[in-house]
Amino acid sequence: VKHLRDTHFDENFQYLEKGFWHKVKRAALVVSLYLVGFHAATIRHGLKIYGRDKLKKYKNELKDGAITVANHVFMWDYLCLLKAIRPRLQYHPGWATNFEGPNGPLIRWVGGIPIPAGNMRAMGKFQRALCEVLESGQWLHFFPEGSMWFYYPDVRPLKKAVFKYAVRYNKPVIPLTFSFRPR
């Protein structure tokens, strides 16, 4: 990621945005996703979603929030995930370097929570932000492989820590995966 800004992800950083302007930005996000983003993902990537009807089937189990997991295979796959679980928005942790690059403000806008490195107090505040998301009944997304491999056809081994959140907060896990087909 091209480094454009220095942001100090320490114990004073607000990992989970709140307040009036945050709600306004999230509302604008929903409008822009439905008007442009979802159509662009479908056209650009040939996106087809299968199994979305299962979300309706388990509507009662998912009303208090959930954790989604998926393989991370291209730059805008999170946009495709948002289309798959619409109308819900969710939050997701991401490496701090991603927030210092050109897409940092956009990642933050779609719900990115930077993972701090090398500061235990900052890590504690980050953990509290994730807990707040899950306790408030919102959705949280993880890319449990820990990194992005462009267009990798298989699912790689998943990190266990992601599933500890599901157990600790008694949240269902919704597995999603990207697969590819010839043009």
N, C-alpha and C. Protein backbone atom coordinates (compact mmCIF):
# COMPACT_ATOMS: atom_id res chain seq x y z
N VAL A 1 0.86 -1.18 0.00
CA VAL A 1 0.00 0.00 0.00
C VAL A 1 0.89 1.23 0.00
N LYS A 2 0.62 2.14 -0.92
CA LYS A 2 1.38 3.38 -0.98
C LYS A 2 1.06 4.21 0.26
N HIS A 3 2.10 4.61 0.98
CA HIS A 3 1.96 5.34 2.24
C HIS A 3 1.73 6.83 1.95
N LEU A 4 0.56 7.35 2.31
CA LEU A 4 0.22 8.75 2.05
C LEU A 4 0.08 9.59 3.30
N ARG A 5 -0.23 8.97 4.43
CA ARG A 5 -0.48 9.74 5.65
C ARG A 5 0.05 8.97 6.84
N ASP A 6 0.47 9.71 7.84
CA ASP A 6 0.88 9.11 9.11
C ASP A 6 -0.26 9.27 10.11
N THR A 7 -0.82 8.18 10.52
CA THR A 7 -1.87 8.19 11.52
C THR A 7 -1.36 7.42 12.72
N HIS A 8 -1.53 7.96 13.89
CA HIS A 8 -1.07 7.29 15.10
C HIS A 8 -2.24 6.52 15.70
N PHE A 9 -2.22 5.23 15.49
CA PHE A 9 -3.25 4.38 16.05
C PHE A 9 -2.82 3.99 17.46
N ASP A 10 -3.06 4.91 18.38
CA ASP A 10 -2.67 4.69 19.77
C ASP A 10 -3.93 4.66 20.63
N GLU A 11 -3.76 4.74 21.94
CA GLU A 11 -4.90 4.66 22.84
C GLU A 11 -5.82 5.88 22.76
N ASN A 12 -5.40 6.94 22.09
CA ASN A 12 -6.23 8.15 21.95
C ASN A 12 -7.03 8.16 20.65
N PHE A 13 -6.78 7.23 19.77
CA PHE A 13 -7.47 7.17 18.48
C PHE A 13 -8.88 6.63 18.69
N GLN A 14 -9.85 7.18 17.96
CA GLN A 14 -11.23 6.70 18.05
C GLN A 14 -11.42 5.57 17.04
N TYR A 15 -11.31 4.34 17.51
CA TYR A 15 -11.38 3.18 16.63
C TYR A 15 -12.77 2.96 16.06
N LEU A 16 -13.78 3.22 16.84
CA LEU A 16 -15.15 3.06 16.38
C LEU A 16 -15.79 4.44 16.31
N GLU A 17 -16.05 4.88 15.09
CA GLU A 17 -16.64 6.20 14.92
C GLU A 17 -18.09 6.19 15.41
N LYS A 18 -18.49 7.30 16.01
CA LYS A 18 -19.86 7.44 16.53
C LYS A 18 -20.32 8.87 16.26
N GLY A 19 -21.54 9.13 16.64
CA GLY A 19 -22.03 10.50 16.57
C GLY A 19 -22.88 10.77 15.35
N PHE A 20 -23.37 11.99 15.32
CA PHE A 20 -24.29 12.42 14.28
C PHE A 20 -23.67 12.34 12.89
N TRP A 21 -22.46 12.90 12.71
CA TRP A 21 -21.85 12.93 11.39
C TRP A 21 -21.51 11.53 10.91
N HIS A 22 -21.18 10.66 11.81
CA HIS A 22 -20.93 9.27 11.42
C HIS A 22 -22.21 8.64 10.86
N LYS A 23 -23.34 8.90 11.50
CA LYS A 23 -24.62 8.36 11.02
C LYS A 23 -24.98 8.95 9.66
N VAL A 24 -24.68 10.23 9.47
CA VAL A 24 -24.94 10.87 8.18
C VAL A 24 -24.07 10.22 7.10
N LYS A 25 -22.78 10.01 7.41
CA LYS A 25 -21.88 9.38 6.44
C LYS A 25 -22.32 7.96 6.11
N ARG A 26 -22.77 7.20 7.11
CA ARG A 26 -23.23 5.83 6.86
C ARG A 26 -24.51 5.82 6.02
N ALA A 27 -25.40 6.79 6.25
CA ALA A 27 -26.61 6.89 5.43
C ALA A 27 -26.26 7.21 3.99
N ALA A 28 -25.29 8.12 3.80
CA ALA A 28 -24.83 8.44 2.45
C ALA A 28 -24.18 7.22 1.80
N LEU A 29 -23.51 6.42 2.60
CA LEU A 29 -22.90 5.19 2.08
C LEU A 29 -23.97 4.25 1.54
N VAL A 30 -25.03 4.06 2.30
CA VAL A 30 -26.11 3.17 1.86
C VAL A 30 -26.68 3.64 0.53
N VAL A 31 -26.94 4.92 0.42
CA VAL A 31 -27.50 5.48 -0.82
C VAL A 31 -26.52 5.26 -1.97
N SER A 32 -25.25 5.56 -1.76
CA SER A 32 -24.27 5.40 -2.84
C SER A 32 -24.04 3.94 -3.21
N LEU A 33 -24.14 3.04 -2.24
CA LEU A 33 -24.01 1.62 -2.56
C LEU A 33 -25.14 1.15 -3.46
N TYR A 34 -26.37 1.54 -3.11
CA TYR A 34 -27.52 1.11 -3.91
C TYR A 34 -27.58 1.79 -5.28
N LEU A 35 -27.15 3.05 -5.36
CA LEU A 35 -27.20 3.75 -6.64
C LEU A 35 -26.05 3.38 -7.57
N VAL A 36 -24.84 3.18 -7.02
CA VAL A 36 -23.66 2.98 -7.86
C VAL A 36 -22.88 1.72 -7.49
N GLY A 37 -22.52 1.57 -6.22
CA GLY A 37 -21.58 0.54 -5.79
C GLY A 37 -21.97 -0.88 -6.15
N PHE A 38 -23.19 -1.27 -5.83
CA PHE A 38 -23.61 -2.64 -6.10
C PHE A 38 -23.69 -2.92 -7.60
N HIS A 39 -24.14 -1.94 -8.37
CA HIS A 39 -24.20 -2.11 -9.83
C HIS A 39 -22.79 -2.22 -10.41
N ALA A 40 -21.88 -1.39 -9.91
CA ALA A 40 -20.49 -1.44 -10.38
C ALA A 40 -19.84 -2.79 -10.06
N ALA A 41 -20.10 -3.32 -8.89
CA ALA A 41 -19.54 -4.63 -8.52
C ALA A 41 -20.08 -5.73 -9.43
N THR A 42 -21.35 -5.66 -9.74
CA THR A 42 -21.95 -6.66 -10.61
C THR A 42 -21.39 -6.58 -12.02
N ILE A 43 -21.27 -5.38 -12.55
CA ILE A 43 -20.76 -5.21 -13.91
C ILE A 43 -19.26 -5.49 -13.99
N ARG A 44 -18.50 -4.91 -13.09
CA ARG A 44 -17.04 -5.03 -13.13
C ARG A 44 -16.55 -6.45 -12.88
N HIS A 45 -17.16 -7.13 -11.90
CA HIS A 45 -16.68 -8.45 -11.50
C HIS A 45 -17.60 -9.59 -11.92
N GLY A 46 -18.70 -9.29 -12.58
CA GLY A 46 -19.62 -10.35 -12.98
C GLY A 46 -20.20 -11.05 -11.76
N LEU A 47 -20.48 -10.29 -10.72
CA LEU A 47 -20.90 -10.84 -9.45
C LEU A 47 -22.24 -11.54 -9.54
N LYS A 48 -22.28 -12.76 -9.03
CA LYS A 48 -23.52 -13.50 -8.86
C LYS A 48 -23.51 -14.03 -7.44
N ILE A 49 -24.61 -13.87 -6.75
CA ILE A 49 -24.70 -14.27 -5.34
C ILE A 49 -25.66 -15.46 -5.25
N TYR A 50 -25.19 -16.51 -4.60
CA TYR A 50 -25.99 -17.71 -4.40
C TYR A 50 -26.19 -17.93 -2.90
N GLY A 51 -27.37 -18.38 -2.51
CA GLY A 51 -27.64 -18.72 -1.12
C GLY A 51 -28.12 -17.58 -0.25
N ARG A 52 -28.41 -16.45 -0.86
CA ARG A 52 -28.87 -15.30 -0.09
C ARG A 52 -30.20 -15.56 0.61
N ASP A 53 -30.98 -16.47 0.07
CA ASP A 53 -32.27 -16.82 0.67
C ASP A 53 -32.12 -17.42 2.07
N LYS A 54 -30.97 -17.96 2.37
CA LYS A 54 -30.74 -18.55 3.69
C LYS A 54 -30.68 -17.49 4.79
N LEU A 55 -30.31 -16.26 4.43
CA LEU A 55 -30.34 -15.18 5.41
C LEU A 55 -31.77 -14.91 5.88
N LYS A 56 -32.72 -14.99 4.97
CA LYS A 56 -34.12 -14.79 5.33
C LYS A 56 -34.62 -15.93 6.20
N LYS A 57 -34.16 -17.13 5.90
CA LYS A 57 -34.58 -18.32 6.64
C LYS A 57 -34.18 -18.22 8.12
N TYR A 58 -33.02 -17.63 8.39
CA TYR A 58 -32.51 -17.52 9.76
C TYR A 58 -32.60 -16.09 10.29
N LYS A 59 -33.63 -15.38 9.86
CA LYS A 59 -33.78 -13.98 10.22
C LYS A 59 -33.81 -13.77 11.74
N ASN A 60 -34.49 -14.62 12.48
CA ASN A 60 -34.57 -14.46 13.93
C ASN A 60 -33.22 -14.66 14.61
N GLU A 61 -32.44 -15.61 14.14
CA GLU A 61 -31.12 -15.88 14.72
C GLU A 61 -30.13 -14.75 14.42
N LEU A 62 -30.35 -14.01 13.34
CA LEU A 62 -29.42 -12.98 12.91
C LEU A 62 -29.81 -11.57 13.35
N LYS A 63 -30.97 -11.42 14.00
CA LYS A 63 -31.45 -10.08 14.34
C LYS A 63 -30.57 -9.38 15.38
N ASP A 64 -29.84 -10.13 16.20
CA ASP A 64 -28.98 -9.53 17.22
C ASP A 64 -27.53 -9.45 16.78
N GLY A 65 -27.29 -9.51 15.48
CA GLY A 65 -25.94 -9.39 14.95
C GLY A 65 -25.34 -10.72 14.58
N ALA A 66 -24.26 -10.66 13.83
CA ALA A 66 -23.59 -11.87 13.37
C ALA A 66 -22.17 -11.51 12.98
N ILE A 67 -21.39 -12.55 12.77
CA ILE A 67 -20.03 -12.39 12.27
C ILE A 67 -19.98 -13.07 10.91
N THR A 68 -19.50 -12.35 9.91
CA THR A 68 -19.31 -12.95 8.60
C THR A 68 -17.82 -13.16 8.38
N VAL A 69 -17.50 -14.21 7.65
CA VAL A 69 -16.11 -14.49 7.29
C VAL A 69 -16.08 -14.82 5.80
N ALA A 70 -14.99 -14.44 5.15
CA ALA A 70 -14.83 -14.73 3.71
C ALA A 70 -13.37 -14.70 3.34
N ASN A 71 -13.06 -15.37 2.24
CA ASN A 71 -11.69 -15.29 1.71
C ASN A 71 -11.50 -13.92 1.05
N HIS A 72 -10.31 -13.37 1.20
CA HIS A 72 -10.00 -12.03 0.70
C HIS A 72 -9.20 -12.21 -0.59
N VAL A 73 -9.85 -11.93 -1.74
CA VAL A 73 -9.23 -12.31 -3.01
C VAL A 73 -9.07 -11.17 -4.01
N PHE A 74 -9.69 -10.02 -3.79
CA PHE A 74 -9.43 -8.87 -4.65
C PHE A 74 -9.78 -7.60 -3.90
N MET A 75 -9.36 -6.49 -4.44
CA MET A 75 -9.40 -5.22 -3.71
C MET A 75 -10.81 -4.84 -3.25
N TRP A 76 -11.81 -5.03 -4.07
CA TRP A 76 -13.14 -4.57 -3.74
C TRP A 76 -14.09 -5.70 -3.36
N ASP A 77 -13.56 -6.79 -2.85
CA ASP A 77 -14.45 -7.89 -2.48
C ASP A 77 -15.36 -7.54 -1.31
N TYR A 78 -14.95 -6.61 -0.48
CA TYR A 78 -15.81 -6.21 0.64
C TYR A 78 -17.11 -5.58 0.13
N LEU A 79 -17.03 -4.84 -0.96
CA LEU A 79 -18.22 -4.27 -1.59
C LEU A 79 -19.18 -5.39 -2.01
N CYS A 80 -18.62 -6.47 -2.55
CA CYS A 80 -19.44 -7.61 -2.95
C CYS A 80 -20.08 -8.28 -1.73
N LEU A 81 -19.34 -8.33 -0.62
CA LEU A 81 -19.90 -8.89 0.61
C LEU A 81 -21.08 -8.06 1.10
N LEU A 82 -20.94 -6.75 1.04
CA LEU A 82 -22.03 -5.88 1.47
C LEU A 82 -23.27 -6.11 0.62
N LYS A 83 -23.09 -6.38 -0.66
CA LYS A 83 -24.24 -6.67 -1.51
C LYS A 83 -24.88 -7.99 -1.11
N ALA A 84 -24.06 -8.96 -0.73
CA ALA A 84 -24.60 -10.27 -0.36
C ALA A 84 -25.44 -10.21 0.91
N ILE A 85 -25.08 -9.36 1.86
CA ILE A 85 -25.81 -9.31 3.13
C ILE A 85 -26.75 -8.11 3.23
N ARG A 86 -26.90 -7.37 2.13
CA ARG A 86 -27.74 -6.17 2.18
C ARG A 86 -29.09 -6.50 2.79
N PRO A 87 -29.74 -5.63 3.49
CA PRO A 87 -29.51 -4.22 3.66
C PRO A 87 -28.59 -3.87 4.83
N ARG A 88 -27.94 -4.85 5.40
CA ARG A 88 -27.10 -4.59 6.57
C ARG A 88 -25.76 -4.00 6.18
N LEU A 89 -25.26 -3.13 7.05
CA LEU A 89 -23.87 -2.68 6.97
C LEU A 89 -23.13 -3.36 8.10
N GLN A 90 -21.85 -3.44 8.00
CA GLN A 90 -21.08 -4.07 9.05
C GLN A 90 -19.76 -3.34 9.23
N TYR A 91 -19.04 -3.73 10.23
CA TYR A 91 -17.71 -3.20 10.50
C TYR A 91 -16.70 -4.31 10.24
N HIS A 92 -15.45 -3.93 10.02
CA HIS A 92 -14.42 -4.93 9.80
C HIS A 92 -13.06 -4.38 10.23
N PRO A 93 -12.26 -5.23 10.88
CA PRO A 93 -10.90 -4.80 11.22
C PRO A 93 -10.00 -4.91 9.99
N GLY A 94 -8.99 -4.06 9.94
CA GLY A 94 -8.04 -4.08 8.83
C GLY A 94 -6.67 -3.64 9.30
N TRP A 95 -5.65 -4.06 8.59
CA TRP A 95 -4.28 -3.69 8.95
C TRP A 95 -4.13 -2.18 8.90
N ALA A 96 -3.41 -1.63 9.83
CA ALA A 96 -3.24 -0.18 9.96
C ALA A 96 -2.66 0.44 8.70
N THR A 97 -1.76 -0.27 8.02
CA THR A 97 -1.15 0.29 6.81
C THR A 97 -2.19 0.57 5.72
N ASN A 98 -3.27 -0.19 5.69
CA ASN A 98 -4.31 0.06 4.69
C ASN A 98 -4.99 1.40 4.91
N PHE A 99 -5.06 1.84 6.15
CA PHE A 99 -5.72 3.11 6.47
C PHE A 99 -4.81 4.30 6.19
N GLU A 100 -3.53 4.06 5.99
CA GLU A 100 -2.59 5.14 5.70
C GLU A 100 -2.35 5.29 4.21
N GLY A 101 -2.98 4.45 3.39
CA GLY A 101 -2.83 4.50 1.95
C GLY A 101 -3.92 5.33 1.29
N PRO A 102 -3.98 5.27 -0.03
CA PRO A 102 -4.93 6.11 -0.76
C PRO A 102 -6.40 5.78 -0.47
N ASN A 103 -6.70 4.54 -0.10
CA ASN A 103 -8.09 4.16 0.16
C ASN A 103 -8.46 4.24 1.63
N GLY A 104 -7.58 4.77 2.47
CA GLY A 104 -7.81 4.81 3.91
C GLY A 104 -9.12 5.45 4.32
N PRO A 105 -9.44 6.66 3.84
CA PRO A 105 -10.72 7.27 4.22
C PRO A 105 -11.92 6.45 3.75
N LEU A 106 -11.82 5.84 2.58
CA LEU A 106 -12.91 5.02 2.08
C LEU A 106 -13.08 3.76 2.93
N ILE A 107 -11.98 3.14 3.30
CA ILE A 107 -12.05 1.95 4.16
C ILE A 107 -12.70 2.30 5.49
N ARG A 108 -12.34 3.44 6.02
CA ARG A 108 -12.92 3.90 7.28
C ARG A 108 -14.42 4.15 7.12
N TRP A 109 -14.80 4.73 5.97
CA TRP A 109 -16.20 5.06 5.71
C TRP A 109 -17.07 3.80 5.65
N VAL A 110 -16.56 2.72 5.06
CA VAL A 110 -17.36 1.51 4.93
C VAL A 110 -17.32 0.64 6.19
N GLY A 111 -16.68 1.15 7.25
CA GLY A 111 -16.72 0.44 8.52
C GLY A 111 -15.41 -0.14 8.98
N GLY A 112 -14.31 0.30 8.40
CA GLY A 112 -13.01 -0.22 8.78
C GLY A 112 -12.58 0.23 10.17
N ILE A 113 -12.02 -0.70 10.91
CA ILE A 113 -11.47 -0.42 12.24
C ILE A 113 -10.00 -0.84 12.17
N PRO A 114 -9.07 0.12 12.27
CA PRO A 114 -7.65 -0.23 12.13
C PRO A 114 -7.13 -1.06 13.30
N ILE A 115 -6.31 -2.05 12.98
CA ILE A 115 -5.68 -2.89 14.00
C ILE A 115 -4.35 -2.23 14.38
N PRO A 116 -4.21 -1.79 15.63
CA PRO A 116 -2.96 -1.14 16.03
C PRO A 116 -1.85 -2.18 16.21
N ALA A 117 -0.62 -1.72 16.08
CA ALA A 117 0.52 -2.64 16.26
C ALA A 117 1.49 -2.03 17.26
N GLY A 118 1.99 -2.86 18.15
CA GLY A 118 3.05 -2.44 19.05
C GLY A 118 2.64 -1.61 20.24
N ASN A 119 1.36 -1.49 20.53
CA ASN A 119 0.91 -0.69 21.66
C ASN A 119 -0.22 -1.45 22.35
N MET A 120 0.02 -1.95 23.53
CA MET A 120 -0.96 -2.77 24.23
C MET A 120 -2.21 -1.97 24.64
N ARG A 121 -2.03 -0.71 25.03
CA ARG A 121 -3.20 0.11 25.39
C ARG A 121 -4.08 0.35 24.17
N ALA A 122 -3.44 0.60 23.04
CA ALA A 122 -4.20 0.79 21.80
C ALA A 122 -4.92 -0.49 21.42
N MET A 123 -4.27 -1.63 21.61
CA MET A 123 -4.90 -2.91 21.30
C MET A 123 -6.11 -3.14 22.20
N GLY A 124 -6.01 -2.72 23.45
CA GLY A 124 -7.15 -2.84 24.35
C GLY A 124 -8.32 -1.99 23.89
N LYS A 125 -8.04 -0.79 23.42
CA LYS A 125 -9.11 0.08 22.92
C LYS A 125 -9.71 -0.50 21.63
N PHE A 126 -8.87 -1.08 20.79
CA PHE A 126 -9.34 -1.74 19.58
C PHE A 126 -10.27 -2.90 19.94
N GLN A 127 -9.87 -3.71 20.92
CA GLN A 127 -10.70 -4.83 21.35
C GLN A 127 -12.05 -4.35 21.89
N ARG A 128 -12.04 -3.26 22.63
CA ARG A 128 -13.30 -2.71 23.15
C ARG A 128 -14.20 -2.24 22.01
N ALA A 129 -13.61 -1.71 20.94
CA ALA A 129 -14.41 -1.28 19.79
C ALA A 129 -15.10 -2.48 19.14
N LEU A 130 -14.36 -3.59 18.98
CA LEU A 130 -14.97 -4.79 18.42
C LEU A 130 -16.08 -5.32 19.33
N CYS A 131 -15.81 -5.29 20.63
CA CYS A 131 -16.82 -5.75 21.59
C CYS A 131 -18.08 -4.89 21.53
N GLU A 132 -17.89 -3.59 21.39
CA GLU A 132 -19.03 -2.68 21.30
C GLU A 132 -19.87 -2.96 20.06
N VAL A 133 -19.22 -3.26 18.96
CA VAL A 133 -19.95 -3.60 17.73
C VAL A 133 -20.80 -4.84 17.97
N LEU A 134 -20.20 -5.87 18.54
CA LEU A 134 -20.93 -7.13 18.73
C LEU A 134 -22.00 -7.03 19.80
N GLU A 135 -21.73 -6.31 20.87
CA GLU A 135 -22.72 -6.17 21.94
C GLU A 135 -23.91 -5.32 21.53
N SER A 136 -23.71 -4.41 20.58
CA SER A 136 -24.81 -3.55 20.14
C SER A 136 -25.67 -4.21 19.06
N GLY A 137 -25.38 -5.46 18.72
CA GLY A 137 -26.20 -6.18 17.75
C GLY A 137 -25.88 -5.88 16.31
N GLN A 138 -24.74 -5.27 16.05
CA GLN A 138 -24.34 -4.99 14.68
C GLN A 138 -23.55 -6.17 14.13
N TRP A 139 -23.25 -6.11 12.86
CA TRP A 139 -22.52 -7.18 12.20
C TRP A 139 -21.05 -6.82 12.09
N LEU A 140 -20.22 -7.85 12.18
CA LEU A 140 -18.77 -7.67 12.10
C LEU A 140 -18.23 -8.65 11.07
N HIS A 141 -17.35 -8.18 10.23
CA HIS A 141 -16.77 -9.05 9.20
C HIS A 141 -15.28 -9.24 9.44
N PHE A 142 -14.82 -10.46 9.20
CA PHE A 142 -13.39 -10.77 9.26
C PHE A 142 -12.97 -11.45 7.97
N PHE A 143 -11.77 -11.14 7.55
CA PHE A 143 -11.10 -11.94 6.53
C PHE A 143 -10.14 -12.83 7.32
N PRO A 144 -10.59 -14.02 7.74
CA PRO A 144 -9.83 -14.81 8.71
C PRO A 144 -8.58 -15.48 8.15
N GLU A 145 -8.32 -15.31 6.87
CA GLU A 145 -7.06 -15.84 6.33
C GLU A 145 -5.89 -14.94 6.72
N GLY A 146 -6.19 -13.68 7.03
CA GLY A 146 -5.17 -12.75 7.51
C GLY A 146 -4.48 -11.93 6.44
N SER A 147 -4.72 -12.23 5.17
CA SER A 147 -4.10 -11.46 4.10
C SER A 147 -4.89 -11.67 2.81
N MET A 148 -4.56 -10.85 1.81
CA MET A 148 -5.24 -10.97 0.53
C MET A 148 -4.30 -11.61 -0.49
N TRP A 149 -4.79 -12.63 -1.16
CA TRP A 149 -4.09 -13.25 -2.27
C TRP A 149 -4.98 -13.06 -3.49
N PHE A 150 -4.54 -12.28 -4.43
CA PHE A 150 -5.38 -11.94 -5.58
C PHE A 150 -5.83 -13.17 -6.35
N TYR A 151 -7.14 -13.28 -6.48
CA TYR A 151 -7.81 -14.30 -7.31
C TYR A 151 -7.38 -15.73 -6.98
N TYR A 152 -7.04 -15.99 -5.73
CA TYR A 152 -6.67 -17.34 -5.31
C TYR A 152 -7.93 -18.20 -5.32
N PRO A 153 -7.91 -19.35 -5.97
CA PRO A 153 -9.14 -20.11 -6.18
C PRO A 153 -9.65 -20.88 -4.96
N ASP A 154 -8.80 -21.17 -3.99
CA ASP A 154 -9.20 -21.98 -2.84
C ASP A 154 -9.27 -21.12 -1.58
N VAL A 155 -9.87 -21.67 -0.54
CA VAL A 155 -9.90 -21.01 0.76
C VAL A 155 -8.68 -21.50 1.54
N ARG A 156 -7.89 -20.57 2.04
CA ARG A 156 -6.69 -20.93 2.81
C ARG A 156 -7.06 -21.18 4.27
N PRO A 157 -6.14 -21.70 5.07
CA PRO A 157 -6.44 -21.93 6.49
C PRO A 157 -6.85 -20.63 7.20
N LEU A 158 -7.80 -20.76 8.10
CA LEU A 158 -8.36 -19.61 8.79
C LEU A 158 -7.73 -19.46 10.18
N LYS A 159 -7.54 -18.22 10.60
CA LYS A 159 -7.02 -17.94 11.94
C LYS A 159 -8.12 -18.23 12.97
N LYS A 160 -7.74 -18.81 14.09
CA LYS A 160 -8.71 -19.22 15.11
C LYS A 160 -9.30 -18.06 15.89
N ALA A 161 -8.57 -16.97 16.03
CA ALA A 161 -9.00 -15.85 16.88
C ALA A 161 -10.37 -15.31 16.47
N VAL A 162 -10.66 -15.33 15.20
CA VAL A 162 -11.93 -14.82 14.70
C VAL A 162 -13.09 -15.56 15.34
N PHE A 163 -12.97 -16.85 15.45
CA PHE A 163 -14.07 -17.66 15.94
C PHE A 163 -14.20 -17.58 17.46
N LYS A 164 -13.17 -17.11 18.13
CA LYS A 164 -13.27 -16.88 19.57
C LYS A 164 -14.25 -15.75 19.87
N TYR A 165 -14.31 -14.76 18.99
CA TYR A 165 -15.29 -13.68 19.16
C TYR A 165 -16.71 -14.24 19.06
N ALA A 166 -16.93 -15.13 18.14
CA ALA A 166 -18.26 -15.71 17.97
C ALA A 166 -18.68 -16.48 19.22
N VAL A 167 -17.76 -17.21 19.80
CA VAL A 167 -18.07 -17.96 21.01
C VAL A 167 -18.27 -17.02 22.19
N ARG A 168 -17.38 -16.07 22.36
CA ARG A 168 -17.43 -15.14 23.50
C ARG A 168 -18.71 -14.33 23.52
N TYR A 169 -19.18 -13.89 22.35
CA TYR A 169 -20.36 -13.03 22.28
C TYR A 169 -21.60 -13.76 21.78
N ASN A 170 -21.50 -15.07 21.65
CA ASN A 170 -22.64 -15.90 21.25
C ASN A 170 -23.29 -15.39 19.96
N LYS A 171 -22.47 -15.20 18.94
CA LYS A 171 -22.94 -14.71 17.65
C LYS A 171 -22.79 -15.81 16.60
N PRO A 172 -23.75 -15.93 15.71
CA PRO A 172 -23.60 -16.90 14.62
C PRO A 172 -22.54 -16.44 13.63
N VAL A 173 -21.90 -17.40 12.99
CA VAL A 173 -20.89 -17.13 11.97
C VAL A 173 -21.49 -17.48 10.61
N ILE A 174 -21.42 -16.54 9.69
CA ILE A 174 -21.93 -16.75 8.35
C ILE A 174 -20.74 -16.86 7.41
N PRO A 175 -20.46 -18.06 6.92
CA PRO A 175 -19.32 -18.21 6.00
C PRO A 175 -19.72 -17.80 4.58
N LEU A 176 -18.88 -17.01 3.97
CA LEU A 176 -19.06 -16.59 2.58
C LEU A 176 -17.77 -16.92 1.84
N THR A 177 -17.86 -17.20 0.57
CA THR A 177 -16.65 -17.47 -0.18
C THR A 177 -16.78 -16.94 -1.60
N PHE A 178 -15.66 -16.56 -2.14
CA PHE A 178 -15.60 -16.13 -3.53
C PHE A 178 -15.04 -17.27 -4.35
N SER A 179 -15.67 -17.53 -5.46
CA SER A 179 -15.15 -18.50 -6.41
C SER A 179 -15.17 -17.83 -7.78
N PHE A 180 -14.38 -18.37 -8.68
CA PHE A 180 -14.22 -17.74 -9.97
C PHE A 180 -14.61 -18.70 -11.07
N ARG A 181 -15.03 -18.15 -12.19
CA ARG A 181 -15.38 -18.95 -13.35
C ARG A 181 -14.79 -18.26 -14.58
N PRO A 182 -14.59 -19.00 -15.65
CA PRO A 182 -14.06 -18.36 -16.87
C PRO A 182 -15.05 -17.32 -17.39
N ARG A 183 -14.50 -16.31 -18.05
CA ARG A 183 -15.37 -15.29 -18.64
C ARG A 183 -16.25 -15.92 -19.70
